[in-house]
Amino acid sequence: MNENENKNGMNEEEEEQENYITLTDDNGEDISFEVIDTVDLEGHTYAVLLPFDDEDDGVVILEVILSEDGDEFVSVDDDELLEKIYGLFKDNYKGDLEFE
């Protein structure tokens, strides 16, 4: 392992790219996100994403469904569940990030 590789054998640039994804919305538009965190709740995994082009600095929370064909990101329509996930996310980053 050289000095630029981490314990997974990836260099810093490859590891940094893992934190970014591009998804296609219902209108066929590509949207790029930074993956800030994942939250596990009640047997489900949710990704907390920050859109690159979003000027209001809001996060997007999507459920991650893992499959052999690739990960699928699905919208969460339950406002109560979204609040619960966001609350866990805020608890994980209390002191590291500022929340309104």
C-alpha atoms as a PDB file:
ATOM      1  CA  MET A   1       0.000   0.000   0.000  1.00  0.00           C
ATOM      2  CA  ASN A   2       1.489   3.352  -0.954  1.00  0.00           C
ATOM      3  CA  GLU A   3       1.185   6.491   1.161  1.00  0.00           C
ATOM      4  CA  ASN A   4      -1.711   7.878  -0.947  1.00  0.00           C
ATOM      5  CA  GLU A   5      -3.921   4.830  -0.422  1.00  0.00           C
ATOM      6  CA  ASN A   6      -6.271   4.242   2.489  1.00  0.00           C
ATOM      7  CA  LYS A   7      -6.933   0.897   4.165  1.00  0.00           C
ATOM      8  CA  ASN A   8      -9.421  -0.004   1.399  1.00  0.00           C
ATOM      9  CA  GLY A   9      -6.745   0.414  -1.275  1.00  0.00           C
ATOM     10  CA  MET A  10      -8.305   3.628  -2.647  1.00  0.00           C
ATOM     11  CA  ASN A  11      -6.428   6.865  -3.040  1.00  0.00           C
ATOM     12  CA  GLU A  12      -7.825  10.113  -1.633  1.00  0.00           C
ATOM     13  CA  GLU A  13      -9.342  11.206  -4.965  1.00  0.00           C
ATOM     14  CA  GLU A  14     -11.181   7.892  -5.429  1.00  0.00           C
ATOM     15  CA  GLU A  15     -12.462   8.010  -1.851  1.00  0.00           C
ATOM     16  CA  GLU A  16     -13.668  11.598  -2.315  1.00  0.00           C
ATOM     17  CA  GLN A  17     -15.532  10.641  -5.512  1.00  0.00           C
ATOM     18  CA  GLU A  18     -17.424   7.990  -3.544  1.00  0.00           C
ATOM     19  CA  ASN A  19     -19.112  10.829  -1.662  1.00  0.00           C
ATOM     20  CA  TYR A  20     -20.727  12.174  -4.835  1.00  0.00           C
ATOM     21  CA  ILE A  21     -23.536  10.760  -6.934  1.00  0.00           C
ATOM     22  CA  THR A  22     -25.546  11.894  -9.929  1.00  0.00           C
ATOM     23  CA  LEU A  23     -29.213  10.907 -10.117  1.00  0.00           C
ATOM     24  CA  THR A  24     -31.747  11.435 -12.893  1.00  0.00           C
ATOM     25  CA  ASP A  25     -35.069  12.986 -11.876  1.00  0.00           C
ATOM     26  CA  ASP A  26     -38.518  12.239 -13.316  1.00  0.00           C
ATOM     27  CA  ASN A  27     -37.956  14.871 -16.038  1.00  0.00           C
ATOM     28  CA  GLY A  28     -34.731  13.249 -17.239  1.00  0.00           C
ATOM     29  CA  GLU A  29     -32.539  15.943 -15.665  1.00  0.00           C
ATOM     30  CA  ASP A  30     -29.272  14.880 -14.028  1.00  0.00           C
ATOM     31  CA  ILE A  31     -28.739  16.247 -10.522  1.00  0.00           C
ATOM     32  CA  SER A  32     -25.442  15.872  -8.660  1.00  0.00           C
ATOM     33  CA  PHE A  33     -25.340  15.423  -4.900  1.00  0.00           C
ATOM     34  CA  GLU A  34     -22.788  15.140  -2.160  1.00  0.00           C
ATOM     35  CA  VAL A  35     -23.590  12.217   0.125  1.00  0.00           C
ATOM     36  CA  ILE A  36     -23.316  13.739   3.582  1.00  0.00           C
ATOM     37  CA  ASP A  37     -24.352  10.710   5.603  1.00  0.00           C
ATOM     38  CA  THR A  38     -26.415   7.562   5.691  1.00  0.00           C
ATOM     39  CA  VAL A  39     -28.878   6.848   8.468  1.00  0.00           C
ATOM     40  CA  ASP A  40     -30.082   3.354   9.377  1.00  0.00           C
ATOM     41  CA  LEU A  41     -33.568   3.235  10.855  1.00  0.00           C
ATOM     42  CA  GLU A  42     -35.863   0.283  11.430  1.00  0.00           C
ATOM     43  CA  GLY A  43     -34.068  -1.956   8.926  1.00  0.00           C
ATOM     44  CA  HIS A  44     -33.901   0.676   6.179  1.00  0.00           C
ATOM     45  CA  THR A  45     -31.016   2.849   5.013  1.00  0.00           C
ATOM     46  CA  TYR A  46     -31.504   6.493   4.077  1.00  0.00           C
ATOM     47  CA  ALA A  47     -29.029   8.797   2.342  1.00  0.00           C
ATOM     48  CA  VAL A  48     -28.768  12.432   3.385  1.00  0.00           C
ATOM     49  CA  LEU A  49     -27.758  14.336   0.251  1.00  0.00           C
ATOM     50  CA  LEU A  50     -26.754  17.917  -0.467  1.00  0.00           C
ATOM     51  CA  PRO A  51     -27.507  19.047  -4.042  1.00  0.00           C
ATOM     52  CA  PHE A  52     -24.622  20.891  -5.713  1.00  0.00           C
ATOM     53  CA  ASP A  53     -26.890  23.398  -7.455  1.00  0.00           C
ATOM     54  CA  ASP A  54     -29.359  24.035  -4.635  1.00  0.00           C
ATOM     55  CA  GLU A  55     -28.998  27.581  -3.360  1.00  0.00           C
ATOM     56  CA  ASP A  56     -31.140  27.141  -0.237  1.00  0.00           C
ATOM     57  CA  ASP A  57     -28.641  24.695   1.326  1.00  0.00           C
ATOM     58  CA  GLY A  58     -31.413  22.181   2.036  1.00  0.00           C
ATOM     59  CA  VAL A  59     -30.745  18.471   2.193  1.00  0.00           C
ATOM     60  CA  VAL A  60     -32.548  15.707   0.342  1.00  0.00           C
ATOM     61  CA  ILE A  61     -33.302  12.428   2.095  1.00  0.00           C
ATOM     62  CA  LEU A  62     -33.806   9.318  -0.032  1.00  0.00           C
ATOM     63  CA  GLU A  63     -34.183   5.672   0.889  1.00  0.00           C
ATOM     64  CA  VAL A  64     -31.370   3.488  -0.433  1.00  0.00           C
ATOM     65  CA  ILE A  65     -32.477   0.122  -1.744  1.00  0.00           C
ATOM     66  CA  LEU A  66     -29.523  -2.181  -2.340  1.00  0.00           C
ATOM     67  CA  SER A  67     -29.667  -4.784  -5.072  1.00  0.00           C
ATOM     68  CA  GLU A  68     -27.324  -6.808  -7.254  1.00  0.00           C
ATOM     69  CA  ASP A  69     -28.255  -4.565 -10.192  1.00  0.00           C
ATOM     70  CA  GLY A  70     -27.114  -1.427  -8.356  1.00  0.00           C
ATOM     71  CA  ASP A  71     -28.380   0.861  -5.634  1.00  0.00           C
ATOM     72  CA  GLU A  72     -31.742   2.537  -6.110  1.00  0.00           C
ATOM     73  CA  PHE A  73     -32.627   5.837  -4.458  1.00  0.00           C
ATOM     74  CA  VAL A  74     -36.319   6.250  -3.651  1.00  0.00           C
ATOM     75  CA  SER A  75     -38.127   9.326  -2.348  1.00  0.00           C
ATOM     76  CA  VAL A  76     -39.563   9.278   1.165  1.00  0.00           C
ATOM     77  CA  ASP A  77     -43.104  10.654   1.222  1.00  0.00           C
ATOM     78  CA  ASP A  78     -43.832  10.282   4.947  1.00  0.00           C
ATOM     79  CA  ASP A  79     -43.168  13.667   6.617  1.00  0.00           C
ATOM     80  CA  GLU A  80     -43.026  12.107  10.091  1.00  0.00           C
ATOM     81  CA  LEU A  81     -40.411   9.594   8.930  1.00  0.00           C
ATOM     82  CA  LEU A  82     -38.406  12.365   7.229  1.00  0.00           C
ATOM     83  CA  GLU A  83     -38.359  14.352  10.481  1.00  0.00           C
ATOM     84  CA  LYS A  84     -37.202  11.284  12.406  1.00  0.00           C
ATOM     85  CA  ILE A  85     -34.371  10.608   9.918  1.00  0.00           C
ATOM     86  CA  TYR A  86     -33.343  14.269   9.881  1.00  0.00           C
ATOM     87  CA  GLY A  87     -33.344  14.308  13.683  1.00  0.00           C
ATOM     88  CA  LEU A  88     -30.978  11.317  13.786  1.00  0.00           C
ATOM     89  CA  PHE A  89     -28.760  12.994  11.194  1.00  0.00           C
ATOM     90  CA  LYS A  90     -28.636  16.195  13.283  1.00  0.00           C
ATOM     91  CA  ASP A  91     -27.807  14.192  16.417  1.00  0.00           C
ATOM     92  CA  ASN A  92     -24.920  12.489  14.576  1.00  0.00           C
ATOM     93  CA  TYR A  93     -23.428  15.856  13.585  1.00  0.00           C
ATOM     94  CA  LYS A  94     -24.236  17.953  16.646  1.00  0.00           C
ATOM     95  CA  GLY A  95     -21.266  20.252  17.191  1.00  0.00           C
ATOM     96  CA  ASP A  96     -19.845  19.584  13.700  1.00  0.00           C
ATOM     97  CA  LEU A  97     -22.547  21.284  11.590  1.00  0.00           C
ATOM     98  CA  GLU A  98     -24.889  24.185  12.243  1.00  0.00           C
ATOM     99  CA  PHE A  99     -28.628  23.622  11.810  1.00  0.00           C
ATOM    100  CA  GLU A 100     -31.423  26.164  11.625  1.00  0.00           C
END
